[in-house]
Amino acid sequence: TKDEPDAAFLRGFYEAAPHIAPMVSVMGPAAVTRFVEGLGQPVFI
């Protein structure tokens, strides 16, 4: 993932951003990082 606010992150999805926004609000960069760490895989930025 990329460590940036959801609004900036969503710009990477071009015109699909409004459709994906609700999903990223639940599983965005911070949640993905927690998911990976929860599988015993520490991360770095």
Full PDB file with SEQRES, HELIX, SHEET, SSBOND, CRYST1, ORIGX, SCALE, CONECT and MASTER records, all heavy atoms in Angstrom:
SEQRES   1 A   45  THR LYS ASP GLU PRO ASP ALA ALA PHE LEU ARG GLY PHE          
SEQRES   2 A   45  TYR GLU ALA ALA PRO HIS ILE ALA PRO MET VAL SER VAL          
SEQRES   3 A   45  MET GLY PRO ALA ALA VAL THR ARG PHE VAL GLU GLY LEU          
SEQRES   4 A   45  GLY GLN PRO VAL PHE ILE                                      
HELIX    1 AA1 ASP A    6  LEU A   10  1                                   5    
HELIX    2 AA2 ARG A   11  ALA A   16  5                                   6    
HELIX    3 AA3 ALA A   17  VAL A   26  1                                  10    
HELIX    4 AA4 PRO A   29  GLY A   38  1                                  10    
CRYST1    1.000    1.000    1.000  90.00  90.00  90.00 P 1           1          
ORIGX1      1.000000  0.000000  0.000000        0.00000                         
ORIGX2      0.000000  1.000000  0.000000        0.00000                         
ORIGX3      0.000000  0.000000  1.000000        0.00000                         
SCALE1      1.000000  0.000000  0.000000        0.00000                         
SCALE2      0.000000  1.000000  0.000000        0.00000                         
SCALE3      0.000000  0.000000  1.000000        0.00000                         
ATOM      1  N   THR A   1       0.844  -1.183   0.000  1.00  0.00           N  
ATOM      2  CA  THR A   1       0.000   0.000   0.000  1.00  0.00           C  
ATOM      3  C   THR A   1       0.883   1.238   0.000  1.00  0.00           C  
ATOM      4  O   THR A   1       2.111   1.131  -0.149  1.00  0.00           O  
ATOM      5  CB  THR A   1      -0.967  -0.005   1.214  1.00  0.00           C  
ATOM      6  OG1 THR A   1      -1.974   0.978   1.026  1.00  0.00           O  
ATOM      7  CG2 THR A   1      -0.232   0.230   2.528  1.00  0.00           C  
ATOM      8  N   LYS A   2       0.280   2.391   0.148  1.00  0.00           N  
ATOM      9  CA  LYS A   2       1.036   3.644   0.219  1.00  0.00           C  
ATOM     10  C   LYS A   2       0.537   4.449   1.400  1.00  0.00           C  
ATOM     11  O   LYS A   2      -0.678   4.588   1.601  1.00  0.00           O  
ATOM     12  CB  LYS A   2       0.893   4.454  -1.069  1.00  0.00           C  
ATOM     13  CG  LYS A   2       1.857   5.637  -1.143  1.00  0.00           C  
ATOM     14  CD  LYS A   2       1.852   6.277  -2.507  1.00  0.00           C  
ATOM     15  CE  LYS A   2       2.903   7.388  -2.583  1.00  0.00           C  
ATOM     16  NZ  LYS A   2       2.880   8.069  -3.900  1.00  0.00           N  
ATOM     17  N   ASP A   3       1.468   4.961   2.177  1.00  0.00           N  
ATOM     18  CA  ASP A   3       1.143   5.690   3.399  1.00  0.00           C  
ATOM     19  C   ASP A   3       0.776   7.126   3.045  1.00  0.00           C  
ATOM     20  O   ASP A   3       1.633   8.011   3.012  1.00  0.00           O  
ATOM     21  CB  ASP A   3       2.326   5.653   4.367  1.00  0.00           C  
ATOM     22  CG  ASP A   3       2.030   6.356   5.678  1.00  0.00           C  
ATOM     23  OD1 ASP A   3       0.865   6.293   6.119  1.00  0.00           O  
ATOM     24  OD2 ASP A   3       2.935   6.994   6.246  1.00  0.00           O  
ATOM     25  N   GLU A   4      -0.492   7.353   2.754  1.00  0.00           N  
ATOM     26  CA  GLU A   4      -0.979   8.697   2.488  1.00  0.00           C  
ATOM     27  C   GLU A   4      -2.457   8.755   2.844  1.00  0.00           C  
ATOM     28  O   GLU A   4      -3.126   7.719   2.925  1.00  0.00           O  
ATOM     29  CB  GLU A   4      -0.752   9.092   1.026  1.00  0.00           C  
ATOM     30  CG  GLU A   4      -1.384   8.206  -0.006  1.00  0.00           C  
ATOM     31  CD  GLU A   4      -1.007   8.612  -1.429  1.00  0.00           C  
ATOM     32  OE1 GLU A   4      -0.226   9.562  -1.605  1.00  0.00           O  
ATOM     33  OE2 GLU A   4      -1.492   7.964  -2.367  1.00  0.00           O  
ATOM     34  N   PRO A   5      -2.989   9.952   3.075  1.00  0.00           N  
ATOM     35  CA  PRO A   5      -4.405  10.077   3.435  1.00  0.00           C  
ATOM     36  C   PRO A   5      -5.309   9.489   2.362  1.00  0.00           C  
ATOM     37  O   PRO A   5      -4.957   9.469   1.181  1.00  0.00           O  
ATOM     38  CB  PRO A   5      -4.603  11.590   3.573  1.00  0.00           C  
ATOM     39  CG  PRO A   5      -3.230  12.146   3.821  1.00  0.00           C  
ATOM     40  CD  PRO A   5      -2.295  11.248   3.077  1.00  0.00           C  
ATOM     41  N   ASP A   6      -6.484   9.047   2.783  1.00  0.00           N  
ATOM     42  CA  ASP A   6      -7.394   8.398   1.845  1.00  0.00           C  
ATOM     43  C   ASP A   6      -7.710   9.272   0.640  1.00  0.00           C  
ATOM     44  O   ASP A   6      -7.791   8.777  -0.495  1.00  0.00           O  
ATOM     45  CB  ASP A   6      -8.695   8.003   2.547  1.00  0.00           C  
ATOM     46  CG  ASP A   6      -8.531   6.795   3.457  1.00  0.00           C  
ATOM     47  OD1 ASP A   6      -7.420   6.219   3.474  1.00  0.00           O  
ATOM     48  OD2 ASP A   6      -9.498   6.436   4.152  1.00  0.00           O  
ATOM     49  N   ALA A   7      -7.886  10.575   0.845  1.00  0.00           N  
ATOM     50  CA  ALA A   7      -8.239  11.472  -0.265  1.00  0.00           C  
ATOM     51  C   ALA A   7      -7.146  11.478  -1.320  1.00  0.00           C  
ATOM     52  O   ALA A   7      -7.427  11.425  -2.527  1.00  0.00           O  
ATOM     53  CB  ALA A   7      -8.489  12.881   0.253  1.00  0.00           C  
ATOM     54  N   ALA A   8      -5.894  11.547  -0.884  1.00  0.00           N  
ATOM     55  CA  ALA A   8      -4.779  11.511  -1.834  1.00  0.00           C  
ATOM     56  C   ALA A   8      -4.653  10.133  -2.461  1.00  0.00           C  
ATOM     57  O   ALA A   8      -4.397  10.001  -3.664  1.00  0.00           O  
ATOM     58  CB  ALA A   8      -3.478  11.890  -1.118  1.00  0.00           C  
ATOM     59  N   PHE A   9      -4.854   9.105  -1.654  1.00  0.00           N  
ATOM     60  CA  PHE A   9      -4.749   7.736  -2.157  1.00  0.00           C  
ATOM     61  C   PHE A   9      -5.783   7.469  -3.244  1.00  0.00           C  
ATOM     62  O   PHE A   9      -5.481   6.852  -4.269  1.00  0.00           O  
ATOM     63  CB  PHE A   9      -4.932   6.764  -0.987  1.00  0.00           C  
ATOM     64  CG  PHE A   9      -4.669   5.332  -1.323  1.00  0.00           C  
ATOM     65  CD1 PHE A   9      -3.371   4.848  -1.394  1.00  0.00           C  
ATOM     66  CD2 PHE A   9      -5.711   4.455  -1.574  1.00  0.00           C  
ATOM     67  CE1 PHE A   9      -3.118   3.521  -1.696  1.00  0.00           C  
ATOM     68  CE2 PHE A   9      -5.473   3.122  -1.875  1.00  0.00           C  
ATOM     69  CZ  PHE A   9      -4.169   2.661  -1.939  1.00  0.00           C  
ATOM     70  N   LEU A  10      -6.979   7.954  -3.049  1.00  0.00           N  
ATOM     71  CA  LEU A  10      -8.058   7.694  -4.006  1.00  0.00           C  
ATOM     72  C   LEU A  10      -7.795   8.316  -5.374  1.00  0.00           C  
ATOM     73  O   LEU A  10      -8.302   7.828  -6.388  1.00  0.00           O  
ATOM     74  CB  LEU A  10      -9.384   8.206  -3.447  1.00  0.00           C  
ATOM     75  CG  LEU A  10     -10.046   7.310  -2.398  1.00  0.00           C  
ATOM     76  CD1 LEU A  10     -11.170   8.041  -1.700  1.00  0.00           C  
ATOM     77  CD2 LEU A  10     -10.553   6.024  -3.036  1.00  0.00           C  
ATOM     78  N   ARG A  11      -7.008   9.385  -5.413  1.00  0.00           N  
ATOM     79  CA  ARG A  11      -6.718  10.005  -6.711  1.00  0.00           C  
ATOM     80  C   ARG A  11      -5.999   9.040  -7.642  1.00  0.00           C  
ATOM     81  O   ARG A  11      -6.029   9.202  -8.864  1.00  0.00           O  
ATOM     82  CB  ARG A  11      -5.911  11.286  -6.519  1.00  0.00           C  
ATOM     83  CG  ARG A  11      -6.729  12.443  -5.971  1.00  0.00           C  
ATOM     84  CD  ARG A  11      -6.024  13.775  -6.151  1.00  0.00           C  
ATOM     85  NE  ARG A  11      -4.901  13.925  -5.245  1.00  0.00           N  
ATOM     86  CZ  ARG A  11      -4.977  14.441  -4.015  1.00  0.00           C  
ATOM     87  NH1 ARG A  11      -6.158  14.854  -3.547  1.00  0.00           N  
ATOM     88  NH2 ARG A  11      -3.918  14.545  -3.243  1.00  0.00           N  
ATOM     89  N   GLY A  12      -5.361   8.027  -7.091  1.00  0.00           N  
ATOM     90  CA  GLY A  12      -4.680   7.038  -7.910  1.00  0.00           C  
ATOM     91  C   GLY A  12      -5.631   6.135  -8.697  1.00  0.00           C  
ATOM     92  O   GLY A  12      -5.180   5.406  -9.583  1.00  0.00           O  
ATOM     93  N   PHE A  13      -6.926   6.195  -8.404  1.00  0.00           N  
ATOM     94  CA  PHE A  13      -7.892   5.338  -9.095  1.00  0.00           C  
ATOM     95  C   PHE A  13      -8.659   6.072 -10.193  1.00  0.00           C  
ATOM     96  O   PHE A  13      -9.636   5.548 -10.721  1.00  0.00           O  
ATOM     97  CB  PHE A  13      -8.862   4.732  -8.074  1.00  0.00           C  
ATOM     98  CG  PHE A  13      -8.203   3.784  -7.111  1.00  0.00           C  
ATOM     99  CD1 PHE A  13      -7.668   4.247  -5.920  1.00  0.00           C  
ATOM    100  CD2 PHE A  13      -8.083   2.442  -7.403  1.00  0.00           C  
ATOM    101  CE1 PHE A  13      -7.037   3.386  -5.034  1.00  0.00           C  
ATOM    102  CE2 PHE A  13      -7.457   1.566  -6.528  1.00  0.00           C  
ATOM    103  CZ  PHE A  13      -6.926   2.043  -5.342  1.00  0.00           C  
ATOM    104  N   TYR A  14      -8.234   7.294 -10.507  1.00  0.00           N  
ATOM    105  CA  TYR A  14      -8.813   8.055 -11.609  1.00  0.00           C  
ATOM    106  C   TYR A  14     -10.329   8.161 -11.453  1.00  0.00           C  
ATOM    107  O   TYR A  14     -10.832   8.430 -10.372  1.00  0.00           O  
ATOM    108  CB  TYR A  14      -8.411   7.441 -12.955  1.00  0.00           C  
ATOM    109  CG  TYR A  14      -6.918   7.273 -13.128  1.00  0.00           C  
ATOM    110  CD1 TYR A  14      -6.331   5.997 -13.113  1.00  0.00           C  
ATOM    111  CD2 TYR A  14      -6.080   8.376 -13.293  1.00  0.00           C  
ATOM    112  CE1 TYR A  14      -4.960   5.837 -13.263  1.00  0.00           C  
ATOM    113  CE2 TYR A  14      -4.705   8.231 -13.437  1.00  0.00           C  
ATOM    114  CZ  TYR A  14      -4.152   6.957 -13.422  1.00  0.00           C  
ATOM    115  OH  TYR A  14      -2.801   6.802 -13.557  1.00  0.00           O  
ATOM    116  N   GLU A  15     -11.073   7.949 -12.556  1.00  0.00           N  
ATOM    117  CA  GLU A  15     -12.523   8.158 -12.515  1.00  0.00           C  
ATOM    118  C   GLU A  15     -13.258   7.095 -11.703  1.00  0.00           C  
ATOM    119  O   GLU A  15     -14.437   7.256 -11.379  1.00  0.00           O  
ATOM    120  CB  GLU A  15     -13.103   8.221 -13.931  1.00  0.00           C  
ATOM    121  CG  GLU A  15     -13.019   6.924 -14.703  1.00  0.00           C  
ATOM    122  CD  GLU A  15     -11.704   6.759 -15.448  1.00  0.00           C  
ATOM    123  OE1 GLU A  15     -10.805   7.613 -15.281  1.00  0.00           O  
ATOM    124  OE2 GLU A  15     -11.600   5.795 -16.219  1.00  0.00           O  
ATOM    125  N   ALA A  16     -12.592   5.993 -11.359  1.00  0.00           N  
ATOM    126  CA  ALA A  16     -13.231   4.973 -10.522  1.00  0.00           C  
ATOM    127  C   ALA A  16     -13.197   5.333  -9.039  1.00  0.00           C  
ATOM    128  O   ALA A  16     -13.812   4.638  -8.226  1.00  0.00           O  
ATOM    129  CB  ALA A  16     -12.561   3.614 -10.740  1.00  0.00           C  
ATOM    130  N   ALA A  17     -12.508   6.413  -8.687  1.00  0.00           N  
ATOM    131  CA  ALA A  17     -12.343   6.778  -7.276  1.00  0.00           C  
ATOM    132  C   ALA A  17     -13.670   6.900  -6.520  1.00  0.00           C  
ATOM    133  O   ALA A  17     -13.785   6.389  -5.402  1.00  0.00           O  
ATOM    134  CB  ALA A  17     -11.538   8.070  -7.164  1.00  0.00           C  
ATOM    135  N   PRO A  18     -14.705   7.543  -7.078  1.00  0.00           N  
ATOM    136  CA  PRO A  18     -15.958   7.633  -6.310  1.00  0.00           C  
ATOM    137  C   PRO A  18     -16.576   6.268  -6.005  1.00  0.00           C  
ATOM    138  O   PRO A  18     -17.229   6.100  -4.967  1.00  0.00           O  
ATOM    139  CB  PRO A  18     -16.876   8.461  -7.232  1.00  0.00           C  
ATOM    140  CG  PRO A  18     -15.951   9.232  -8.115  1.00  0.00           C  
ATOM    141  CD  PRO A  18     -14.781   8.313  -8.333  1.00  0.00           C  
ATOM    142  N   HIS A  19     -16.376   5.313  -6.893  1.00  0.00           N  
ATOM    143  CA  HIS A  19     -16.927   3.976  -6.664  1.00  0.00           C  
ATOM    144  C   HIS A  19     -16.141   3.221  -5.589  1.00  0.00           C  
ATOM    145  O   HIS A  19     -16.716   2.492  -4.772  1.00  0.00           O  
ATOM    146  CB  HIS A  19     -16.912   3.172  -7.962  1.00  0.00           C  
ATOM    147  CG  HIS A  19     -17.688   3.801  -9.075  1.00  0.00           C  
ATOM    148  ND1 HIS A  19     -19.064   3.826  -9.098  1.00  0.00           N  
ATOM    149  CD2 HIS A  19     -17.274   4.440 -10.199  1.00  0.00           C  
ATOM    150  CE1 HIS A  19     -19.471   4.444 -10.197  1.00  0.00           C  
ATOM    151  NE2 HIS A  19     -18.414   4.821 -10.878  1.00  0.00           N  
ATOM    152  N   ILE A  20     -14.828   3.403  -5.596  1.00  0.00           N  
ATOM    153  CA  ILE A  20     -13.962   2.651  -4.683  1.00  0.00           C  
ATOM    154  C   ILE A  20     -13.847   3.330  -3.318  1.00  0.00           C  
ATOM    155  O   ILE A  20     -13.483   2.689  -2.330  1.00  0.00           O  
ATOM    156  CB  ILE A  20     -12.575   2.454  -5.343  1.00  0.00           C  
ATOM    157  CG1 ILE A  20     -12.714   1.457  -6.508  1.00  0.00           C  
ATOM    158  CG2 ILE A  20     -11.518   1.977  -4.372  1.00  0.00           C  
ATOM    159  CD1 ILE A  20     -11.429   1.144  -7.224  1.00  0.00           C  
ATOM    160  N   ALA A  21     -14.211   4.602  -3.249  1.00  0.00           N  
ATOM    161  CA  ALA A  21     -14.036   5.357  -2.003  1.00  0.00           C  
ATOM    162  C   ALA A  21     -14.660   4.680  -0.781  1.00  0.00           C  
ATOM    163  O   ALA A  21     -14.011   4.596   0.280  1.00  0.00           O  
ATOM    164  CB  ALA A  21     -14.584   6.776  -2.172  1.00  0.00           C  
ATOM    165  N   PRO A  22     -15.897   4.174  -0.853  1.00  0.00           N  
ATOM    166  CA  PRO A  22     -16.454   3.525   0.346  1.00  0.00           C  
ATOM    167  C   PRO A  22     -15.642   2.317   0.792  1.00  0.00           C  
ATOM    168  O   PRO A  22     -15.513   2.054   1.995  1.00  0.00           O  
ATOM    169  CB  PRO A  22     -17.866   3.113  -0.102  1.00  0.00           C  
ATOM    170  CG  PRO A  22     -18.183   3.979  -1.269  1.00  0.00           C  
ATOM    171  CD  PRO A  22     -16.870   4.213  -1.958  1.00  0.00           C  
ATOM    172  N   MET A  23     -15.073   1.607  -0.171  1.00  0.00           N  
ATOM    173  CA  MET A  23     -14.301   0.411   0.157  1.00  0.00           C  
ATOM    174  C   MET A  23     -12.962   0.768   0.796  1.00  0.00           C  
ATOM    175  O   MET A  23     -12.514   0.129   1.745  1.00  0.00           O  
ATOM    176  CB  MET A  23     -14.100  -0.420  -1.109  1.00  0.00           C  
ATOM    177  CG  MET A  23     -15.415  -0.875  -1.717  1.00  0.00           C  
ATOM    178  SD  MET A  23     -15.396  -0.930  -3.518  1.00  0.00           S  
ATOM    179  CE  MET A  23     -17.126  -0.558  -3.867  1.00  0.00           C  
ATOM    180  N   VAL A  24     -12.337   1.834   0.267  1.00  0.00           N  
ATOM    181  CA  VAL A  24     -11.062   2.286   0.830  1.00  0.00           C  
ATOM    182  C   VAL A  24     -11.274   2.870   2.226  1.00  0.00           C  
ATOM    183  O   VAL A  24     -10.378   2.800   3.078  1.00  0.00           O  
ATOM    184  CB  VAL A  24     -10.401   3.304  -0.121  1.00  0.00           C  
ATOM    185  CG1 VAL A  24      -9.229   4.014   0.547  1.00  0.00           C  
ATOM    186  CG2 VAL A  24      -9.931   2.592  -1.389  1.00  0.00           C  
ATOM    187  N   SER A  25     -12.456   3.418   2.488  1.00  0.00           N  
ATOM    188  CA  SER A  25     -12.717   3.949   3.830  1.00  0.00           C  
ATOM    189  C   SER A  25     -12.711   2.837   4.874  1.00  0.00           C  
ATOM    190  O   SER A  25     -12.449   3.073   6.054  1.00  0.00           O  
ATOM    191  CB  SER A  25     -14.057   4.688   3.861  1.00  0.00           C  
ATOM    192  OG  SER A  25     -15.146   3.785   3.743  1.00  0.00           O  
ATOM    193  N   VAL A  26     -12.979   1.603   4.425  1.00  0.00           N  
ATOM    194  CA  VAL A  26     -12.971   0.444   5.327  1.00  0.00           C  
ATOM    195  C   VAL A  26     -11.630  -0.289   5.277  1.00  0.00           C  
ATOM    196  O   VAL A  26     -11.108  -0.735   6.305  1.00  0.00           O  
ATOM    197  CB  VAL A  26     -14.118  -0.521   4.954  1.00  0.00           C  
ATOM    198  CG1 VAL A  26     -14.064  -1.788   5.813  1.00  0.00           C  
ATOM    199  CG2 VAL A  26     -15.463   0.161   5.105  1.00  0.00           C  
ATOM    200  N   MET A  27     -11.075  -0.411   4.080  1.00  0.00           N  
ATOM    201  CA  MET A  27      -9.827  -1.170   3.897  1.00  0.00           C  
ATOM    202  C   MET A  27      -8.849  -0.311   3.101  1.00  0.00           C  
ATOM    203  O   MET A  27      -8.483  -0.631   1.966  1.00  0.00           O  
ATOM    204  CB  MET A  27     -10.130  -2.485   3.165  1.00  0.00           C  
ATOM    205  CG  MET A  27      -9.000  -3.519   3.219  1.00  0.00           C  
ATOM    206  SD  MET A  27      -8.863  -4.215   4.869  1.00  0.00           S  
ATOM    207  CE  MET A  27      -7.386  -5.224   4.698  1.00  0.00           C  
ATOM    208  N   GLY A  28      -8.436   0.793   3.695  1.00  0.00           N  
ATOM    209  CA  GLY A  28      -7.475   1.686   3.067  1.00  0.00           C  
ATOM    210  C   GLY A  28      -6.059   1.403   3.527  1.00  0.00           C  
ATOM    211  O   GLY A  28      -5.778   0.345   4.110  1.00  0.00           O  
ATOM    212  N   PRO A  29      -5.136   2.336   3.280  1.00  0.00           N  
ATOM    213  CA  PRO A  29      -3.726   2.091   3.614  1.00  0.00           C  
ATOM    214  C   PRO A  29      -3.482   1.683   5.064  1.00  0.00           C  
ATOM    215  O   PRO A  29      -2.725   0.746   5.324  1.00  0.00           O  
ATOM    216  CB  PRO A  29      -3.071   3.436   3.283  1.00  0.00           C  
ATOM    217  CG  PRO A  29      -3.918   3.999   2.176  1.00  0.00           C  
ATOM    218  CD  PRO A  29      -5.313   3.588   2.517  1.00  0.00           C  
ATOM    219  N   ALA A  30      -4.113   2.366   6.027  1.00  0.00           N  
ATOM    220  CA  ALA A  30      -3.877   2.028   7.437  1.00  0.00           C  
ATOM    221  C   ALA A  30      -4.394   0.634   7.762  1.00  0.00           C  
ATOM    222  O   ALA A  30      -3.736  -0.146   8.467  1.00  0.00           O  
ATOM    223  CB  ALA A  30      -4.535   3.069   8.340  1.00  0.00           C  
ATOM    224  N   ALA A  31      -5.582   0.283   7.235  1.00  0.00           N  
ATOM    225  CA  ALA A  31      -6.158  -1.034   7.510  1.00  0.00           C  
ATOM    226  C   ALA A  31      -5.344  -2.138   6.847  1.00  0.00           C  
ATOM    227  O   ALA A  31      -5.169  -3.221   7.420  1.00  0.00           O  
ATOM    228  CB  ALA A  31      -7.612  -1.076   7.031  1.00  0.00           C  
ATOM    229  N   VAL A  32      -4.844  -1.898   5.644  1.00  0.00           N  
ATOM    230  CA  VAL A  32      -4.010  -2.894   4.967  1.00  0.00           C  
ATOM    231  C   VAL A  32      -2.725  -3.133   5.752  1.00  0.00           C  
ATOM    232  O   VAL A  32      -2.280  -4.274   5.922  1.00  0.00           O  
ATOM    233  CB  VAL A  32      -3.705  -2.460   3.519  1.00  0.00           C  
ATOM    234  CG1 VAL A  32      -2.630  -3.350   2.900  1.00  0.00           C  
ATOM    235  CG2 VAL A  32      -4.976  -2.503   2.668  1.00  0.00           C  
ATOM    236  N   THR A  33      -2.145  -2.060   6.263  1.00  0.00           N  
ATOM    237  CA  THR A  33      -0.931  -2.198   7.072  1.00  0.00           C  
ATOM    238  C   THR A  33      -1.204  -3.039   8.313  1.00  0.00           C  
ATOM    239  O   THR A  33      -0.422  -3.940   8.659  1.00  0.00           O  
ATOM    240  CB  THR A  33      -0.402  -0.813   7.462  1.00  0.00           C  
ATOM    241  OG1 THR A  33      -0.053  -0.082   6.272  1.00  0.00           O  
ATOM    242  CG2 THR A  33       0.841  -0.927   8.338  1.00  0.00           C  
ATOM    243  N   ARG A  34      -2.320  -2.774   8.979  1.00  0.00           N  
ATOM    244  CA  ARG A  34      -2.664  -3.561  10.170  1.00  0.00           C  
ATOM    245  C   ARG A  34      -2.915  -5.023   9.807  1.00  0.00           C  
ATOM    246  O   ARG A  34      -2.527  -5.934  10.547  1.00  0.00           O  
ATOM    247  CB  ARG A  34      -3.906  -2.970  10.845  1.00  0.00           C  
ATOM    248  CG  ARG A  34      -3.682  -1.638  11.531  1.00  0.00           C  
ATOM    249  CD  ARG A  34      -4.850  -1.288  12.440  1.00  0.00           C  
ATOM    250  NE  ARG A  34      -6.108  -1.151  11.706  1.00  0.00           N  
ATOM    251  CZ  ARG A  34      -6.543  -0.024  11.158  1.00  0.00           C  
ATOM    252  NH1 ARG A  34      -5.811   1.086  11.248  1.00  0.00           N  
ATOM    253  NH2 ARG A  34      -7.700   0.012  10.526  1.00  0.00           N  
ATOM    254  N   PHE A  35      -3.539  -5.250   8.666  1.00  0.00           N  
ATOM    255  CA  PHE A  35      -3.806  -6.617   8.220  1.00  0.00           C  
ATOM    256  C   PHE A  35      -2.505  -7.393   8.032  1.00  0.00           C  
ATOM    257  O   PHE A  35      -2.380  -8.537   8.494  1.00  0.00           O  
ATOM    258  CB  PHE A  35      -4.603  -6.568   6.911  1.00  0.00           C  
ATOM    259  CG  PHE A  35      -4.659  -7.873   6.177  1.00  0.00           C  
ATOM    260  CD1 PHE A  35      -5.451  -8.912   6.634  1.00  0.00           C  
ATOM    261  CD2 PHE A  35      -3.913  -8.072   5.029  1.00  0.00           C  
ATOM    262  CE1 PHE A  35      -5.501 -10.125   5.956  1.00  0.00           C  
ATOM    263  CE2 PHE A  35      -3.951  -9.273   4.337  1.00  0.00           C  
ATOM    264  CZ  PHE A  35      -4.746 -10.304   4.805  1.00  0.00           C  
ATOM    265  N   VAL A  36      -1.538  -6.788   7.372  1.00  0.00           N  
ATOM    266  CA  VAL A  36      -0.259  -7.452   7.113  1.00  0.00           C  
ATOM    267  C   VAL A  36       0.475  -7.705   8.421  1.00  0.00           C  
ATOM    268  O   VAL A  36       1.028  -8.795   8.646  1.00  0.00           O  
ATOM    269  CB  VAL A  36       0.585  -6.620   6.131  1.00  0.00           C  
ATOM    270  CG1 VAL A  36       2.000  -7.178   6.016  1.00  0.00           C  
ATOM    271  CG2 VAL A  36      -0.087  -6.588   4.758  1.00  0.00           C  
ATOM    272  N   GLU A  37       0.494  -6.709   9.296  1.00  0.00           N  
ATOM    273  CA  GLU A  37       1.159  -6.891  10.587  1.00  0.00           C  
ATOM    274  C   GLU A  37       0.448  -7.958  11.416  1.00  0.00           C  
ATOM    275  O   GLU A  37       1.095  -8.700  12.167  1.00  0.00           O  
ATOM    276  CB  GLU A  37       1.201  -5.562  11.330  1.00  0.00           C  
ATOM    277  CG  GLU A  37       2.138  -4.540  10.687  1.00  0.00           C  
ATOM    278  CD  GLU A  37       2.136  -3.203  11.389  1.00  0.00           C  
ATOM    279  OE1 GLU A  37       1.073  -2.811  11.929  1.00  0.00           O  
ATOM    280  OE2 GLU A  37       3.184  -2.529  11.377  1.00  0.00           O  
ATOM    281  N   GLY A  38      -0.868  -8.064  11.260  1.00  0.00           N  
ATOM    282  CA  GLY A  38      -1.620  -9.084  11.972  1.00  0.00           C  
ATOM    283  C   GLY A  38      -1.295 -10.494  11.521  1.00  0.00           C  
ATOM    284  O   GLY A  38      -1.571 -11.462  12.241  1.00  0.00           O  
ATOM    285  N   LEU A  39      -0.702 -10.609  10.336  1.00  0.00           N  
ATOM    286  CA  LEU A  39      -0.238 -11.911   9.851  1.00  0.00           C  
ATOM    287  C   LEU A  39       1.220 -12.169  10.228  1.00  0.00           C  
ATOM    288  O   LEU A  39       1.857 -13.072   9.688  1.00  0.00           O  
ATOM    289  CB  LEU A  39      -0.412 -11.993   8.332  1.00  0.00           C  
ATOM    290  CG  LEU A  39      -1.865 -12.161   7.855  1.00  0.00           C  
ATOM    291  CD1 LEU A  39      -1.949 -11.957   6.343  1.00  0.00           C  
ATOM    292  CD2 LEU A  39      -2.406 -13.528   8.246  1.00  0.00           C  
ATOM    293  N   GLY A  40       1.726 -11.365  11.158  1.00  0.00           N  
ATOM    294  CA  GLY A  40       3.093 -11.575  11.644  1.00  0.00           C  
ATOM    295  C   GLY A  40       4.164 -11.034  10.724  1.00  0.00           C  
ATOM    296  O   GLY A  40       5.334 -11.450  10.828  1.00  0.00           O  
ATOM    297  N   GLN A  41       3.797 -10.084   9.852  1.00  0.00           N  
ATOM    298  CA  GLN A  41       4.754  -9.514   8.911  1.00  0.00           C  
ATOM    299  C   GLN A  41       4.933  -8.027   9.193  1.00  0.00           C  
ATOM    300  O   GLN A  41       4.142  -7.198   8.736  1.00  0.00           O  
ATOM    301  CB  GLN A  41       4.280  -9.735   7.472  1.00  0.00           C  
ATOM    302  CG  GLN A  41       4.097 -11.184   7.083  1.00  0.00           C  
ATOM    303  CD  GLN A  41       5.389 -11.965   7.175  1.00  0.00           C  
ATOM    304  OE1 GLN A  41       6.410 -11.571   6.635  1.00  0.00           O  
ATOM    305  NE2 GLN A  41       5.344 -13.099   7.866  1.00  0.00           N  
ATOM    306  N   PRO A  42       5.954  -7.645   9.971  1.00  0.00           N  
ATOM    307  CA  PRO A  42       6.186  -6.222  10.224  1.00  0.00           C  
ATOM    308  C   PRO A  42       6.498  -5.484   8.922  1.00  0.00           C  
ATOM    309  O   PRO A  42       7.000  -6.082   7.962  1.00  0.00           O  
ATOM    310  CB  PRO A  42       7.390  -6.209  11.167  1.00  0.00           C  
ATOM    311  CG  PRO A  42       8.052  -7.535  10.974  1.00  0.00           C  
ATOM    312  CD  PRO A  42       6.968  -8.502  10.610  1.00  0.00           C  
ATOM    313  N   VAL A  43       6.188  -4.195   8.897  1.00  0.00           N  
ATOM    314  CA  VAL A  43       6.333  -3.420   7.671  1.00  0.00           C  
ATOM    315  C   VAL A  43       7.276  -2.239   7.892  1.00  0.00           C  
ATOM    316  O   VAL A  43       7.611  -1.888   9.020  1.00  0.00           O  
ATOM    317  CB  VAL A  43       4.971  -2.901   7.172  1.00  0.00           C  
ATOM    318  CG1 VAL A  43       3.994  -4.050   6.987  1.00  0.00           C  
ATOM    319  CG2 VAL A  43       4.399  -1.852   8.109  1.00  0.00           C  
ATOM    320  N   PHE A  44       7.695  -1.641   6.789  1.00  0.00           N  
ATOM    321  CA  PHE A  44       8.420  -0.375   6.850  1.00  0.00           C  
ATOM    322  C   PHE A  44       7.922   0.518   5.723  1.00  0.00           C  
ATOM    323  O   PHE A  44       7.370   0.041   4.726  1.00  0.00           O  
ATOM    324  CB  PHE A  44       9.934  -0.580   6.765  1.00  0.00           C  
ATOM    325  CG  PHE A  44      10.432  -0.995   5.399  1.00  0.00           C  
ATOM    326  CD1 PHE A  44      10.867  -0.050   4.469  1.00  0.00           C  
ATOM    327  CD2 PHE A  44      10.469  -2.340   5.037  1.00  0.00           C  
ATOM    328  CE1 PHE A  44      11.321  -0.438   3.215  1.00  0.00           C  
ATOM    329  CE2 PHE A  44      10.917  -2.742   3.784  1.00  0.00           C  
ATOM    330  CZ  PHE A  44      11.351  -1.783   2.871  1.00  0.00           C  
ATOM    331  N   ILE A  45       8.102   1.817   5.912  1.00  0.00           N  
ATOM    332  CA  ILE A  45       7.647   2.797   4.929  1.00  0.00           C  
ATOM    333  C   ILE A  45       8.867   3.370   4.223  1.00  0.00           C  
ATOM    334  O   ILE A  45       9.789   3.898   4.864  1.00  0.00           O  
ATOM    335  CB  ILE A  45       6.842   3.927   5.595  1.00  0.00           C  
ATOM    336  CG1 ILE A  45       5.640   3.340   6.334  1.00  0.00           C  
ATOM    337  CG2 ILE A  45       6.387   4.953   4.556  1.00  0.00           C  
ATOM    338  CD1 ILE A  45       4.892   4.356   7.177  1.00  0.00           C  
TER     339      ILE A  45                                                      
MASTER        0    0    0    4    0    0    0    6  338    1    0    4          
END                                                                             
